């Protein structure tokens, strides 16, 4: 059985410029992600997937592998489905785990537990999520509560807010769906794995990065 960790790292970003290269406590986010995946001890290979060769130098320096995707798959219009499929076409495996560098507060232990959960399950996809046990609405309509009564928050069913900090796929299912023109990301049996709010924190803006700096001392192994 072969498991691969794939860390996507596009050089261009709209809200936070070159966010994968931004530093958290003096360490670039991409480097943190590589070291975290290596520290888990559960991956046969750790790959950085980018259109820009600068990430190849970083991967090599950290003892990881580098996959240079076609330049067009690094544009703002390219989708994750496209670059994941392209990667899988070059690197066969039994399980692919996408680990985002912009979720640096997800620790190595949690990554290892996520991987164990998926391998021991029958799921084709496992999504990481933050359980939000509070009243939530969509377009003005209640999702997990009713306007007919006031319920204590602790009695509500948690809403599952997908974080994408880590995602797992069975490549065979993913590839078949993509090549059939279906949505590969959610193909087959979908499982959900909870992470806490700190671990699921994703950096997309300068404020997100500042918040991660403040939270970092609270996280073990991040």
N, C-alpha and C. Protein backbone atom coordinates (compact mmCIF):
# COMPACT_ATOMS: atom_id res chain seq x y z
N UNK A 1 0.84 -1.20 0.00
CA UNK A 1 0.00 0.00 0.00
C UNK A 1 0.88 1.25 0.00
N UNK A 2 0.58 2.18 -0.89
CA UNK A 2 1.38 3.39 -1.02
C UNK A 2 0.54 4.63 -0.71
N UNK A 3 1.03 5.44 0.20
CA UNK A 3 0.35 6.68 0.56
C UNK A 3 1.24 7.87 0.20
N UNK A 4 0.65 8.87 -0.40
CA UNK A 4 1.38 10.07 -0.80
C UNK A 4 0.75 11.30 -0.15
N UNK A 5 1.60 12.18 0.36
CA UNK A 5 1.16 13.50 0.78
C UNK A 5 1.50 14.47 -0.34
N UNK A 6 0.52 15.23 -0.78
CA UNK A 6 0.72 16.23 -1.82
C UNK A 6 0.41 17.61 -1.25
N UNK A 7 1.38 18.51 -1.33
CA UNK A 7 1.22 19.87 -0.82
C UNK A 7 1.11 20.81 -2.01
N UNK A 8 -0.06 21.34 -2.30
CA UNK A 8 -0.19 22.28 -3.43
C UNK A 8 0.39 23.63 -3.06
N UNK A 9 1.08 24.25 -4.02
CA UNK A 9 1.73 25.54 -3.72
C UNK A 9 1.78 26.37 -4.99
N UNK A 10 0.76 27.17 -5.20
CA UNK A 10 0.75 28.07 -6.35
C UNK A 10 1.48 29.36 -5.99
N UNK A 11 2.31 29.86 -6.91
CA UNK A 11 3.07 31.08 -6.62
C UNK A 11 2.15 32.30 -6.59
N UNK A 12 1.21 32.35 -7.50
CA UNK A 12 0.29 33.48 -7.53
C UNK A 12 -0.83 33.30 -6.53
N UNK A 13 -1.23 34.38 -5.89
CA UNK A 13 -2.40 34.36 -5.00
C UNK A 13 -2.96 35.77 -4.98
N UNK A 14 -4.27 35.87 -4.86
CA UNK A 14 -4.93 37.16 -5.02
C UNK A 14 -5.01 37.97 -3.74
N UNK A 15 -5.40 37.33 -2.64
CA UNK A 15 -5.63 38.08 -1.41
C UNK A 15 -4.35 38.29 -0.58
N UNK A 16 -3.49 37.28 -0.54
CA UNK A 16 -2.24 37.36 0.21
C UNK A 16 -1.12 36.93 -0.73
N UNK A 17 -0.33 37.88 -1.19
CA UNK A 17 0.67 37.63 -2.21
C UNK A 17 1.70 36.59 -1.76
N UNK A 18 1.95 35.62 -2.64
CA UNK A 18 2.94 34.57 -2.40
C UNK A 18 2.77 33.98 -1.00
N UNK A 19 1.53 33.63 -0.67
CA UNK A 19 1.21 33.22 0.70
C UNK A 19 1.97 31.96 1.13
N UNK A 20 2.28 31.07 0.21
CA UNK A 20 3.00 29.86 0.60
C UNK A 20 4.42 30.15 1.07
N UNK A 21 4.94 31.31 0.69
CA UNK A 21 6.28 31.69 1.10
C UNK A 21 6.29 32.61 2.32
N UNK A 22 5.12 33.03 2.75
CA UNK A 22 5.05 33.88 3.95
C UNK A 22 5.49 33.07 5.17
N UNK A 23 6.06 33.76 6.12
CA UNK A 23 6.63 33.08 7.28
C UNK A 23 5.70 33.14 8.49
N UNK A 24 5.71 32.05 9.22
CA UNK A 24 5.02 31.96 10.50
C UNK A 24 6.06 31.62 11.54
N UNK A 25 6.32 32.53 12.46
CA UNK A 25 7.39 32.37 13.45
C UNK A 25 8.73 32.09 12.76
N UNK A 26 8.97 32.78 11.64
CA UNK A 26 10.25 32.68 10.97
C UNK A 26 10.41 31.52 10.00
N UNK A 27 9.37 30.70 9.85
CA UNK A 27 9.45 29.54 8.96
C UNK A 27 8.39 29.68 7.86
N UNK A 28 8.79 29.60 6.58
CA UNK A 28 7.80 29.70 5.50
C UNK A 28 6.71 28.65 5.63
N UNK A 29 5.49 29.00 5.25
CA UNK A 29 4.37 28.07 5.36
C UNK A 29 4.62 26.78 4.60
N UNK A 30 5.22 26.87 3.42
CA UNK A 30 5.47 25.66 2.63
C UNK A 30 6.46 24.73 3.33
N UNK A 31 7.45 25.32 4.00
CA UNK A 31 8.43 24.51 4.73
C UNK A 31 7.77 23.84 5.92
N UNK A 32 6.91 24.56 6.61
CA UNK A 32 6.18 23.97 7.73
C UNK A 32 5.37 22.76 7.29
N UNK A 33 4.73 22.89 6.13
CA UNK A 33 3.89 21.79 5.64
C UNK A 33 4.73 20.57 5.31
N UNK A 34 5.87 20.77 4.67
CA UNK A 34 6.75 19.65 4.33
C UNK A 34 7.22 18.94 5.60
N UNK A 35 7.71 19.71 6.54
CA UNK A 35 8.24 19.12 7.77
C UNK A 35 7.15 18.40 8.56
N UNK A 36 5.95 18.96 8.55
CA UNK A 36 4.83 18.32 9.24
C UNK A 36 4.51 16.96 8.64
N UNK A 37 4.45 16.90 7.32
CA UNK A 37 4.15 15.63 6.65
C UNK A 37 5.24 14.61 6.91
N UNK A 38 6.48 15.04 6.90
CA UNK A 38 7.60 14.14 7.18
C UNK A 38 7.56 13.62 8.61
N UNK A 39 7.13 14.49 9.53
CA UNK A 39 7.12 14.13 10.94
C UNK A 39 6.04 13.09 11.28
N UNK A 40 5.03 12.96 10.43
CA UNK A 40 3.95 12.02 10.73
C UNK A 40 4.41 10.57 10.68
N UNK A 41 5.35 10.26 9.79
CA UNK A 41 5.81 8.89 9.63
C UNK A 41 4.83 7.98 8.93
N UNK A 42 3.78 8.56 8.31
CA UNK A 42 2.75 7.72 7.69
C UNK A 42 2.76 7.78 6.16
N UNK A 43 3.61 8.64 5.60
CA UNK A 43 3.62 8.81 4.14
C UNK A 43 4.85 8.14 3.52
N UNK A 44 4.60 7.46 2.41
CA UNK A 44 5.71 6.88 1.66
C UNK A 44 6.48 7.95 0.89
N UNK A 45 5.74 8.97 0.46
CA UNK A 45 6.36 10.07 -0.28
C UNK A 45 5.67 11.38 0.09
N UNK A 46 6.46 12.45 0.12
CA UNK A 46 5.92 13.79 0.33
C UNK A 46 6.29 14.63 -0.89
N UNK A 47 5.27 15.16 -1.55
CA UNK A 47 5.47 15.93 -2.78
C UNK A 47 4.95 17.36 -2.61
N UNK A 48 5.69 18.30 -3.19
CA UNK A 48 5.20 19.66 -3.37
C UNK A 48 4.76 19.76 -4.83
N UNK A 49 3.56 20.25 -5.04
CA UNK A 49 2.97 20.33 -6.39
C UNK A 49 2.77 21.79 -6.75
N UNK A 50 3.58 22.29 -7.70
CA UNK A 50 3.49 23.70 -8.08
C UNK A 50 3.87 23.89 -9.53
N UNK A 51 3.43 25.03 -10.07
CA UNK A 51 3.82 25.40 -11.43
C UNK A 51 5.16 26.14 -11.45
N UNK A 52 5.63 26.55 -10.26
CA UNK A 52 6.82 27.41 -10.20
C UNK A 52 8.04 26.64 -9.68
N UNK A 53 9.16 26.67 -10.42
CA UNK A 53 10.35 25.90 -10.03
C UNK A 53 10.97 26.32 -8.70
N UNK A 54 10.66 27.53 -8.22
CA UNK A 54 11.22 27.96 -6.94
C UNK A 54 10.83 27.01 -5.81
N UNK A 55 9.63 26.44 -5.92
CA UNK A 55 9.19 25.49 -4.90
C UNK A 55 9.94 24.17 -4.99
N UNK A 56 10.48 23.88 -6.17
CA UNK A 56 11.29 22.69 -6.33
C UNK A 56 12.57 22.77 -5.52
N UNK A 57 13.17 23.94 -5.49
CA UNK A 57 14.39 24.15 -4.72
C UNK A 57 14.11 23.99 -3.22
N UNK A 58 12.97 24.50 -2.80
CA UNK A 58 12.60 24.38 -1.39
C UNK A 58 12.34 22.92 -1.03
N UNK A 59 11.60 22.22 -1.88
CA UNK A 59 11.30 20.81 -1.63
C UNK A 59 12.59 19.99 -1.53
N UNK A 60 13.48 20.21 -2.47
CA UNK A 60 14.75 19.46 -2.48
C UNK A 60 15.55 19.74 -1.21
N UNK A 61 15.60 21.00 -0.80
CA UNK A 61 16.35 21.36 0.40
C UNK A 61 15.79 20.70 1.65
N UNK A 62 14.48 20.43 1.63
CA UNK A 62 13.81 19.83 2.79
C UNK A 62 13.69 18.31 2.69
N UNK A 63 14.24 17.73 1.62
CA UNK A 63 14.19 16.28 1.46
C UNK A 63 12.88 15.76 0.93
N UNK A 64 12.07 16.63 0.34
CA UNK A 64 10.80 16.22 -0.27
C UNK A 64 10.97 16.14 -1.79
N UNK A 65 9.94 15.65 -2.46
CA UNK A 65 9.95 15.55 -3.91
C UNK A 65 9.18 16.73 -4.50
N UNK A 66 9.43 17.00 -5.78
CA UNK A 66 8.77 18.13 -6.43
C UNK A 66 8.13 17.71 -7.74
N UNK A 67 6.86 18.06 -7.87
CA UNK A 67 6.12 17.84 -9.12
C UNK A 67 5.80 19.20 -9.72
N UNK A 68 6.36 19.48 -10.90
CA UNK A 68 6.06 20.75 -11.56
C UNK A 68 4.90 20.55 -12.52
N UNK A 69 3.76 21.06 -12.11
CA UNK A 69 2.57 20.94 -12.95
C UNK A 69 2.69 21.90 -14.14
N UNK A 70 1.92 21.68 -15.21
CA UNK A 70 1.94 22.62 -16.34
C UNK A 70 1.58 24.02 -15.88
N UNK A 71 2.17 25.01 -16.52
CA UNK A 71 2.00 26.40 -16.10
C UNK A 71 0.53 26.82 -16.07
N UNK A 72 -0.26 26.30 -17.02
CA UNK A 72 -1.67 26.70 -17.07
C UNK A 72 -2.45 26.18 -15.87
N UNK A 73 -1.93 25.17 -15.18
CA UNK A 73 -2.61 24.66 -14.00
C UNK A 73 -2.22 25.43 -12.74
N UNK A 74 -1.46 26.50 -12.92
CA UNK A 74 -1.12 27.37 -11.81
C UNK A 74 -1.81 28.72 -11.91
N UNK A 75 -2.72 28.85 -12.88
CA UNK A 75 -3.41 30.12 -13.08
C UNK A 75 -4.61 30.24 -12.15
N UNK A 76 -5.18 31.44 -12.08
CA UNK A 76 -6.36 31.67 -11.24
C UNK A 76 -7.57 30.89 -11.72
N UNK A 77 -7.58 30.55 -13.00
CA UNK A 77 -8.74 29.85 -13.56
C UNK A 77 -8.64 28.34 -13.43
N UNK A 78 -7.45 27.84 -13.12
CA UNK A 78 -7.28 26.39 -12.97
C UNK A 78 -7.98 25.91 -11.70
N UNK A 79 -8.53 24.71 -11.76
CA UNK A 79 -9.23 24.15 -10.60
C UNK A 79 -8.38 23.09 -9.91
N UNK A 80 -8.70 22.85 -8.66
CA UNK A 80 -7.99 21.80 -7.92
C UNK A 80 -8.24 20.44 -8.55
N UNK A 81 -9.42 20.23 -9.10
CA UNK A 81 -9.71 18.95 -9.74
C UNK A 81 -8.72 18.68 -10.87
N UNK A 82 -8.40 19.73 -11.60
CA UNK A 82 -7.48 19.57 -12.74
C UNK A 82 -6.07 19.23 -12.28
N UNK A 83 -5.54 19.97 -11.33
CA UNK A 83 -4.15 19.69 -10.96
C UNK A 83 -4.00 18.42 -10.13
N UNK A 84 -5.02 18.04 -9.39
CA UNK A 84 -4.96 16.76 -8.67
C UNK A 84 -4.98 15.60 -9.66
N UNK A 85 -5.84 15.69 -10.66
CA UNK A 85 -5.91 14.64 -11.68
C UNK A 85 -4.58 14.53 -12.44
N UNK A 86 -4.02 15.67 -12.79
CA UNK A 86 -2.75 15.67 -13.51
C UNK A 86 -1.65 15.03 -12.67
N UNK A 87 -1.64 15.32 -11.37
CA UNK A 87 -0.65 14.74 -10.47
C UNK A 87 -0.82 13.23 -10.37
N UNK A 88 -2.05 12.78 -10.21
CA UNK A 88 -2.30 11.35 -10.07
C UNK A 88 -1.91 10.57 -11.32
N UNK A 89 -1.99 11.22 -12.47
CA UNK A 89 -1.59 10.56 -13.71
C UNK A 89 -0.11 10.27 -13.75
N UNK A 90 0.67 11.00 -12.96
CA UNK A 90 2.13 10.83 -12.96
C UNK A 90 2.64 10.03 -11.75
N UNK A 91 1.82 9.95 -10.70
CA UNK A 91 2.31 9.34 -9.45
C UNK A 91 1.26 8.38 -8.88
N UNK A 92 1.23 7.16 -9.37
CA UNK A 92 0.25 6.17 -8.89
C UNK A 92 0.43 5.91 -7.39
N UNK A 93 -0.70 5.73 -6.71
CA UNK A 93 -0.67 5.41 -5.28
C UNK A 93 -2.02 4.82 -4.89
N UNK A 94 -2.09 4.33 -3.67
CA UNK A 94 -3.35 3.78 -3.16
C UNK A 94 -4.18 4.85 -2.45
N UNK A 95 -3.50 5.80 -1.86
CA UNK A 95 -4.18 6.91 -1.19
C UNK A 95 -3.40 8.20 -1.44
N UNK A 96 -4.14 9.26 -1.75
CA UNK A 96 -3.54 10.58 -1.90
C UNK A 96 -4.12 11.50 -0.84
N UNK A 97 -3.23 12.16 -0.11
CA UNK A 97 -3.67 13.11 0.92
C UNK A 97 -3.14 14.50 0.56
N UNK A 98 -4.07 15.41 0.34
CA UNK A 98 -3.70 16.78 0.06
C UNK A 98 -3.61 17.54 1.38
N UNK A 99 -2.43 18.05 1.67
CA UNK A 99 -2.17 18.75 2.92
C UNK A 99 -1.85 20.20 2.57
N UNK A 100 -2.69 21.11 3.01
CA UNK A 100 -2.51 22.51 2.63
C UNK A 100 -1.51 23.21 3.54
N UNK A 101 -0.58 23.92 2.93
CA UNK A 101 0.41 24.69 3.69
C UNK A 101 -0.25 25.86 4.42
N UNK A 102 -1.40 26.30 3.92
CA UNK A 102 -2.07 27.46 4.52
C UNK A 102 -2.94 27.06 5.72
N UNK A 103 -2.78 25.82 6.17
CA UNK A 103 -3.41 25.38 7.43
C UNK A 103 -2.30 24.92 8.37
N UNK A 104 -1.40 25.83 8.77
CA UNK A 104 -0.20 25.43 9.51
C UNK A 104 -0.43 24.99 10.94
N UNK A 105 -1.62 25.25 11.48
CA UNK A 105 -1.88 24.90 12.88
C UNK A 105 -2.43 23.48 13.04
N UNK A 106 -2.61 22.79 11.92
CA UNK A 106 -2.97 21.37 11.96
C UNK A 106 -1.68 20.60 12.22
N UNK A 107 -1.60 19.92 13.35
CA UNK A 107 -0.37 19.27 13.75
C UNK A 107 -0.12 17.92 13.08
N UNK A 108 1.13 17.46 13.18
CA UNK A 108 1.52 16.18 12.57
C UNK A 108 0.72 15.01 13.14
N UNK A 109 0.46 15.05 14.45
CA UNK A 109 -0.32 13.97 15.07
C UNK A 109 -1.72 13.90 14.49
N UNK A 110 -2.32 15.06 14.27
CA UNK A 110 -3.68 15.09 13.70
C UNK A 110 -3.67 14.60 12.25
N UNK A 111 -2.64 14.94 11.51
CA UNK A 111 -2.52 14.45 10.14
C UNK A 111 -2.43 12.93 10.13
N UNK A 112 -1.61 12.38 11.01
CA UNK A 112 -1.46 10.92 11.09
C UNK A 112 -2.78 10.25 11.47
N UNK A 113 -3.53 10.85 12.38
CA UNK A 113 -4.81 10.29 12.79
C UNK A 113 -5.83 10.35 11.65
N UNK A 114 -5.79 11.42 10.88
CA UNK A 114 -6.66 11.55 9.71
C UNK A 114 -6.37 10.44 8.72
N UNK A 115 -5.09 10.22 8.44
CA UNK A 115 -4.68 9.18 7.49
C UNK A 115 -5.15 7.81 7.98
N UNK A 116 -4.95 7.53 9.26
CA UNK A 116 -5.37 6.25 9.84
C UNK A 116 -6.87 6.07 9.70
N UNK A 117 -7.63 7.14 9.96
CA UNK A 117 -9.09 7.06 9.84
C UNK A 117 -9.50 6.69 8.42
N UNK A 118 -8.90 7.32 7.44
CA UNK A 118 -9.31 7.03 6.06
C UNK A 118 -8.93 5.62 5.64
N UNK A 119 -7.72 5.20 5.95
CA UNK A 119 -7.26 3.88 5.54
C UNK A 119 -8.11 2.78 6.17
N UNK A 120 -8.56 3.01 7.39
CA UNK A 120 -9.37 2.00 8.08
C UNK A 120 -10.85 2.07 7.70
N UNK A 121 -11.22 3.08 6.91
CA UNK A 121 -12.61 3.24 6.49
C UNK A 121 -12.81 2.68 5.08
N UNK A 122 -14.06 2.73 4.63
CA UNK A 122 -14.38 2.33 3.26
C UNK A 122 -14.62 3.55 2.37
N UNK A 123 -14.26 4.72 2.84
CA UNK A 123 -14.56 5.95 2.11
C UNK A 123 -13.62 6.15 0.92
N UNK A 124 -14.18 6.76 -0.11
CA UNK A 124 -13.39 7.15 -1.28
C UNK A 124 -12.83 8.56 -1.10
N UNK A 125 -13.49 9.33 -0.27
CA UNK A 125 -13.10 10.71 0.02
C UNK A 125 -13.28 10.95 1.51
N UNK A 126 -12.32 11.64 2.13
CA UNK A 126 -12.52 12.10 3.50
C UNK A 126 -12.20 13.58 3.55
N UNK A 127 -13.16 14.35 4.10
CA UNK A 127 -13.03 15.79 4.21
C UNK A 127 -12.82 16.20 5.67
N UNK A 128 -11.92 17.13 5.91
CA UNK A 128 -11.73 17.65 7.26
C UNK A 128 -12.74 18.78 7.49
N UNK A 129 -13.28 18.84 8.70
CA UNK A 129 -14.27 19.87 8.97
C UNK A 129 -14.19 20.34 10.42
N UNK A 130 -14.69 21.56 10.63
CA UNK A 130 -14.84 22.11 11.98
C UNK A 130 -16.31 22.00 12.37
N UNK A 131 -16.62 21.32 13.46
CA UNK A 131 -18.02 21.27 13.91
C UNK A 131 -18.43 22.58 14.57
N UNK A 132 -19.43 23.23 14.02
CA UNK A 132 -19.92 24.50 14.54
C UNK A 132 -21.26 24.27 15.24
N UNK A 133 -21.23 24.23 16.56
CA UNK A 133 -22.46 23.97 17.32
C UNK A 133 -23.08 25.30 17.76
N UNK A 134 -23.62 25.97 16.76
CA UNK A 134 -24.27 27.26 16.97
C UNK A 134 -25.35 27.40 15.90
N UNK A 135 -26.33 28.25 16.13
CA UNK A 135 -27.39 28.43 15.13
C UNK A 135 -26.79 28.91 13.81
N UNK A 136 -27.08 28.20 12.72
CA UNK A 136 -26.58 28.57 11.40
C UNK A 136 -27.75 28.66 10.41
N UNK A 137 -27.65 29.64 9.51
CA UNK A 137 -28.68 29.82 8.51
C UNK A 137 -28.03 29.93 7.13
N UNK A 138 -28.81 29.61 6.10
CA UNK A 138 -28.35 29.75 4.72
C UNK A 138 -29.41 30.51 3.95
N UNK A 139 -29.02 31.66 3.42
CA UNK A 139 -29.94 32.53 2.68
C UNK A 139 -31.20 32.83 3.49
N UNK A 140 -30.98 33.10 4.77
CA UNK A 140 -32.08 33.49 5.63
C UNK A 140 -32.93 32.36 6.17
N UNK A 141 -32.55 31.12 5.86
CA UNK A 141 -33.34 29.98 6.33
C UNK A 141 -32.52 29.13 7.30
N UNK A 142 -33.13 28.69 8.41
CA UNK A 142 -32.40 27.90 9.41
C UNK A 142 -31.86 26.60 8.83
N UNK A 143 -30.67 26.24 9.25
CA UNK A 143 -30.06 24.99 8.82
C UNK A 143 -30.16 23.93 9.93
N UNK A 144 -29.76 24.29 11.13
CA UNK A 144 -29.74 23.31 12.23
C UNK A 144 -30.60 23.75 13.42
N UNK A 145 -31.53 24.66 13.18
CA UNK A 145 -32.45 25.10 14.22
C UNK A 145 -33.76 25.51 13.57
N UNK A 146 -34.72 25.87 14.36
CA UNK A 146 -36.02 26.28 13.85
C UNK A 146 -36.44 27.59 14.47
N UNK A 147 -37.18 28.39 13.72
CA UNK A 147 -37.71 29.65 14.25
C UNK A 147 -38.87 29.42 15.21
N UNK A 148 -39.33 28.18 15.33
CA UNK A 148 -40.49 27.88 16.15
C UNK A 148 -40.16 27.81 17.65
N UNK A 149 -38.86 27.65 17.96
CA UNK A 149 -38.48 27.58 19.37
C UNK A 149 -37.02 27.96 19.52
N UNK A 150 -36.65 28.39 20.73
CA UNK A 150 -35.26 28.71 21.05
C UNK A 150 -34.64 27.50 21.73
N UNK A 151 -33.61 26.95 21.11
CA UNK A 151 -32.94 25.77 21.63
C UNK A 151 -31.58 26.16 22.19
N UNK A 152 -31.16 25.54 23.29
CA UNK A 152 -29.83 25.78 23.81
C UNK A 152 -28.79 25.31 22.80
N UNK A 153 -27.74 26.09 22.63
CA UNK A 153 -26.72 25.78 21.61
C UNK A 153 -26.14 24.38 21.78
N UNK A 154 -25.94 23.94 23.03
CA UNK A 154 -25.34 22.63 23.25
C UNK A 154 -26.25 21.48 22.82
N UNK A 155 -27.51 21.79 22.55
CA UNK A 155 -28.44 20.76 22.10
C UNK A 155 -28.56 20.70 20.57
N UNK A 156 -27.93 21.63 19.89
CA UNK A 156 -28.02 21.67 18.43
C UNK A 156 -27.11 20.64 17.77
N UNK A 157 -27.50 20.19 16.59
CA UNK A 157 -26.63 19.35 15.78
C UNK A 157 -25.57 20.24 15.14
N UNK A 158 -24.28 19.92 15.30
CA UNK A 158 -23.22 20.78 14.75
C UNK A 158 -23.27 20.83 13.22
N UNK A 159 -23.05 22.00 12.68
CA UNK A 159 -22.87 22.14 11.24
C UNK A 159 -21.43 21.77 10.92
N UNK A 160 -21.21 21.07 9.82
CA UNK A 160 -19.86 20.63 9.45
C UNK A 160 -19.27 21.62 8.44
N UNK A 161 -18.39 22.50 8.93
CA UNK A 161 -17.75 23.50 8.06
C UNK A 161 -16.46 22.93 7.49
N UNK A 162 -16.45 22.66 6.20
CA UNK A 162 -15.29 22.04 5.56
C UNK A 162 -14.12 23.01 5.59
N UNK A 163 -12.93 22.52 5.98
CA UNK A 163 -11.76 23.38 6.09
C UNK A 163 -10.77 23.20 4.94
N UNK A 164 -10.72 22.01 4.34
CA UNK A 164 -9.73 21.68 3.30
C UNK A 164 -8.31 21.69 3.84
N UNK A 165 -8.13 21.74 5.15
CA UNK A 165 -6.76 21.71 5.69
C UNK A 165 -6.07 20.41 5.30
N UNK A 166 -6.83 19.32 5.29
CA UNK A 166 -6.34 18.03 4.79
C UNK A 166 -7.52 17.30 4.17
N UNK A 167 -7.27 16.66 3.04
CA UNK A 167 -8.30 15.91 2.31
C UNK A 167 -7.67 14.62 1.81
N UNK A 168 -8.44 13.54 1.82
CA UNK A 168 -7.93 12.26 1.32
C UNK A 168 -8.80 11.71 0.21
N UNK A 169 -8.16 11.06 -0.77
CA UNK A 169 -8.88 10.43 -1.88
C UNK A 169 -8.31 9.06 -2.21
N UNK A 170 -9.19 8.18 -2.68
CA UNK A 170 -8.74 6.96 -3.35
C UNK A 170 -8.55 7.33 -4.82
N UNK A 171 -7.34 7.29 -5.32
CA UNK A 171 -7.06 7.75 -6.69
C UNK A 171 -7.89 7.06 -7.77
N UNK A 172 -8.13 5.76 -7.64
CA UNK A 172 -8.87 5.05 -8.67
C UNK A 172 -10.26 5.66 -8.86
N UNK A 173 -10.93 5.95 -7.76
CA UNK A 173 -12.26 6.54 -7.81
C UNK A 173 -12.20 7.95 -8.38
N UNK A 174 -11.21 8.72 -7.93
CA UNK A 174 -11.06 10.11 -8.37
C UNK A 174 -10.83 10.18 -9.87
N UNK A 175 -9.89 9.40 -10.35
CA UNK A 175 -9.52 9.44 -11.78
C UNK A 175 -10.70 9.03 -12.66
N UNK A 176 -11.40 7.98 -12.25
CA UNK A 176 -12.53 7.50 -13.04
C UNK A 176 -13.62 8.56 -13.14
N UNK A 177 -13.89 9.25 -12.04
CA UNK A 177 -14.92 10.29 -12.05
C UNK A 177 -14.51 11.47 -12.91
N UNK A 178 -13.28 11.91 -12.77
CA UNK A 178 -12.79 13.05 -13.54
C UNK A 178 -12.86 12.77 -15.03
N UNK A 179 -12.41 11.61 -15.42
CA UNK A 179 -12.36 11.27 -16.84
C UNK A 179 -13.73 10.97 -17.42
N UNK A 180 -14.72 10.76 -16.54
CA UNK A 180 -16.10 10.58 -16.99
C UNK A 180 -16.85 11.90 -17.00
N UNK A 181 -16.16 12.98 -16.63
CA UNK A 181 -16.79 14.29 -16.63
C UNK A 181 -17.60 14.61 -15.39
N UNK A 182 -17.42 13.82 -14.32
CA UNK A 182 -18.14 14.08 -13.08
C UNK A 182 -17.24 14.83 -12.10
N UNK A 183 -17.83 15.29 -11.01
CA UNK A 183 -17.07 15.97 -9.97
C UNK A 183 -16.29 14.93 -9.18
N UNK A 184 -14.98 14.92 -9.34
CA UNK A 184 -14.13 13.90 -8.72
C UNK A 184 -13.93 14.15 -7.23
N UNK A 185 -13.99 15.39 -6.81
CA UNK A 185 -13.70 15.74 -5.42
C UNK A 185 -14.62 15.02 -4.44
N UNK A 186 -15.87 14.84 -4.82
CA UNK A 186 -16.85 14.22 -3.90
C UNK A 186 -17.36 12.88 -4.43
N UNK A 187 -16.62 12.24 -5.28
CA UNK A 187 -17.09 10.98 -5.89
C UNK A 187 -17.03 9.83 -4.90
N UNK A 188 -18.04 8.99 -4.94
CA UNK A 188 -18.06 7.78 -4.12
C UNK A 188 -18.53 8.05 -2.70
N UNK A 189 -18.07 7.22 -1.78
CA UNK A 189 -18.44 7.35 -0.37
C UNK A 189 -17.62 8.48 0.26
N UNK A 190 -18.34 9.45 0.83
CA UNK A 190 -17.68 10.62 1.43
C UNK A 190 -17.73 10.53 2.95
N UNK A 191 -16.55 10.62 3.57
CA UNK A 191 -16.46 10.62 5.02
C UNK A 191 -16.04 11.99 5.53
N UNK A 192 -16.28 12.21 6.82
CA UNK A 192 -15.97 13.51 7.42
C UNK A 192 -15.14 13.29 8.67
N UNK A 193 -14.09 14.10 8.82
CA UNK A 193 -13.20 13.96 9.97
C UNK A 193 -13.11 15.31 10.68
N UNK A 194 -13.45 15.38 11.97
CA UNK A 194 -13.48 16.67 12.67
C UNK A 194 -12.10 17.14 13.12
N UNK A 195 -11.88 18.44 13.01
CA UNK A 195 -10.72 19.08 13.60
C UNK A 195 -11.22 20.28 14.38
N UNK A 196 -10.44 20.73 15.36
CA UNK A 196 -10.90 21.87 16.16
C UNK A 196 -10.69 23.18 15.39
N UNK A 197 -11.22 24.26 15.93
CA UNK A 197 -11.19 25.54 15.24
C UNK A 197 -9.78 26.05 15.00
N UNK A 198 -8.88 25.80 15.94
CA UNK A 198 -7.50 26.24 15.76
C UNK A 198 -6.82 25.44 14.67
N UNK A 199 -6.96 24.12 14.71
CA UNK A 199 -6.32 23.25 13.72
C UNK A 199 -6.86 23.49 12.32
N UNK A 200 -8.12 23.91 12.24
CA UNK A 200 -8.74 24.14 10.94
C UNK A 200 -8.57 25.55 10.42
N UNK A 201 -7.83 26.39 11.16
CA UNK A 201 -7.62 27.78 10.73
C UNK A 201 -6.82 27.82 9.43
N UNK A 202 -7.36 28.51 8.43
CA UNK A 202 -6.74 28.59 7.11
C UNK A 202 -6.32 30.03 6.82
N UNK A 203 -5.11 30.19 6.29
CA UNK A 203 -4.57 31.52 6.03
C UNK A 203 -4.83 31.93 4.58
N UNK A 204 -5.65 32.96 4.43
CA UNK A 204 -5.93 33.51 3.10
C UNK A 204 -5.70 35.02 3.03
N UNK A 205 -5.62 35.65 4.20
CA UNK A 205 -5.43 37.10 4.25
C UNK A 205 -4.33 37.43 5.26
N UNK A 206 -3.91 38.68 5.26
CA UNK A 206 -2.90 39.12 6.23
C UNK A 206 -3.42 38.96 7.65
N UNK A 207 -4.69 39.24 7.86
CA UNK A 207 -5.27 39.09 9.19
C UNK A 207 -5.25 37.62 9.63
N UNK A 208 -5.51 36.71 8.70
CA UNK A 208 -5.45 35.27 9.02
C UNK A 208 -4.05 34.88 9.48
N UNK A 209 -3.04 35.44 8.82
CA UNK A 209 -1.65 35.14 9.19
C UNK A 209 -1.33 35.68 10.58
N UNK A 210 -1.79 36.87 10.87
CA UNK A 210 -1.56 37.46 12.19
C UNK A 210 -2.24 36.64 13.28
N UNK A 211 -3.44 36.15 12.97
CA UNK A 211 -4.15 35.32 13.94
C UNK A 211 -3.40 34.01 14.18
N UNK A 212 -2.85 33.44 13.11
CA UNK A 212 -2.08 32.20 13.25
C UNK A 212 -0.85 32.41 14.12
N UNK A 213 -0.21 33.56 13.98
CA UNK A 213 0.94 33.90 14.84
C UNK A 213 0.53 33.91 16.31
N UNK A 214 -0.64 34.47 16.58
CA UNK A 214 -1.11 34.56 17.96
C UNK A 214 -1.48 33.19 18.52
N UNK A 215 -1.99 32.32 17.66
CA UNK A 215 -2.45 31.00 18.10
C UNK A 215 -1.34 29.96 18.16
N UNK A 216 -0.25 30.18 17.46
CA UNK A 216 0.80 29.17 17.32
C UNK A 216 1.30 28.62 18.65
N UNK A 217 1.52 29.45 19.68
CA UNK A 217 2.01 28.90 20.94
C UNK A 217 1.06 27.91 21.60
N UNK A 218 -0.20 27.90 21.17
CA UNK A 218 -1.19 27.01 21.77
C UNK A 218 -1.22 25.65 21.10
N UNK A 219 -0.45 25.50 20.00
CA UNK A 219 -0.56 24.29 19.20
C UNK A 219 0.69 23.44 19.35
N UNK A 220 0.51 22.18 19.67
CA UNK A 220 1.62 21.24 19.82
C UNK A 220 1.91 20.56 18.49
N UNK A 221 3.15 20.63 18.04
CA UNK A 221 3.58 19.90 16.84
C UNK A 221 3.17 20.54 15.54
N UNK A 222 2.76 21.81 15.55
CA UNK A 222 2.38 22.47 14.30
C UNK A 222 3.61 23.01 13.59
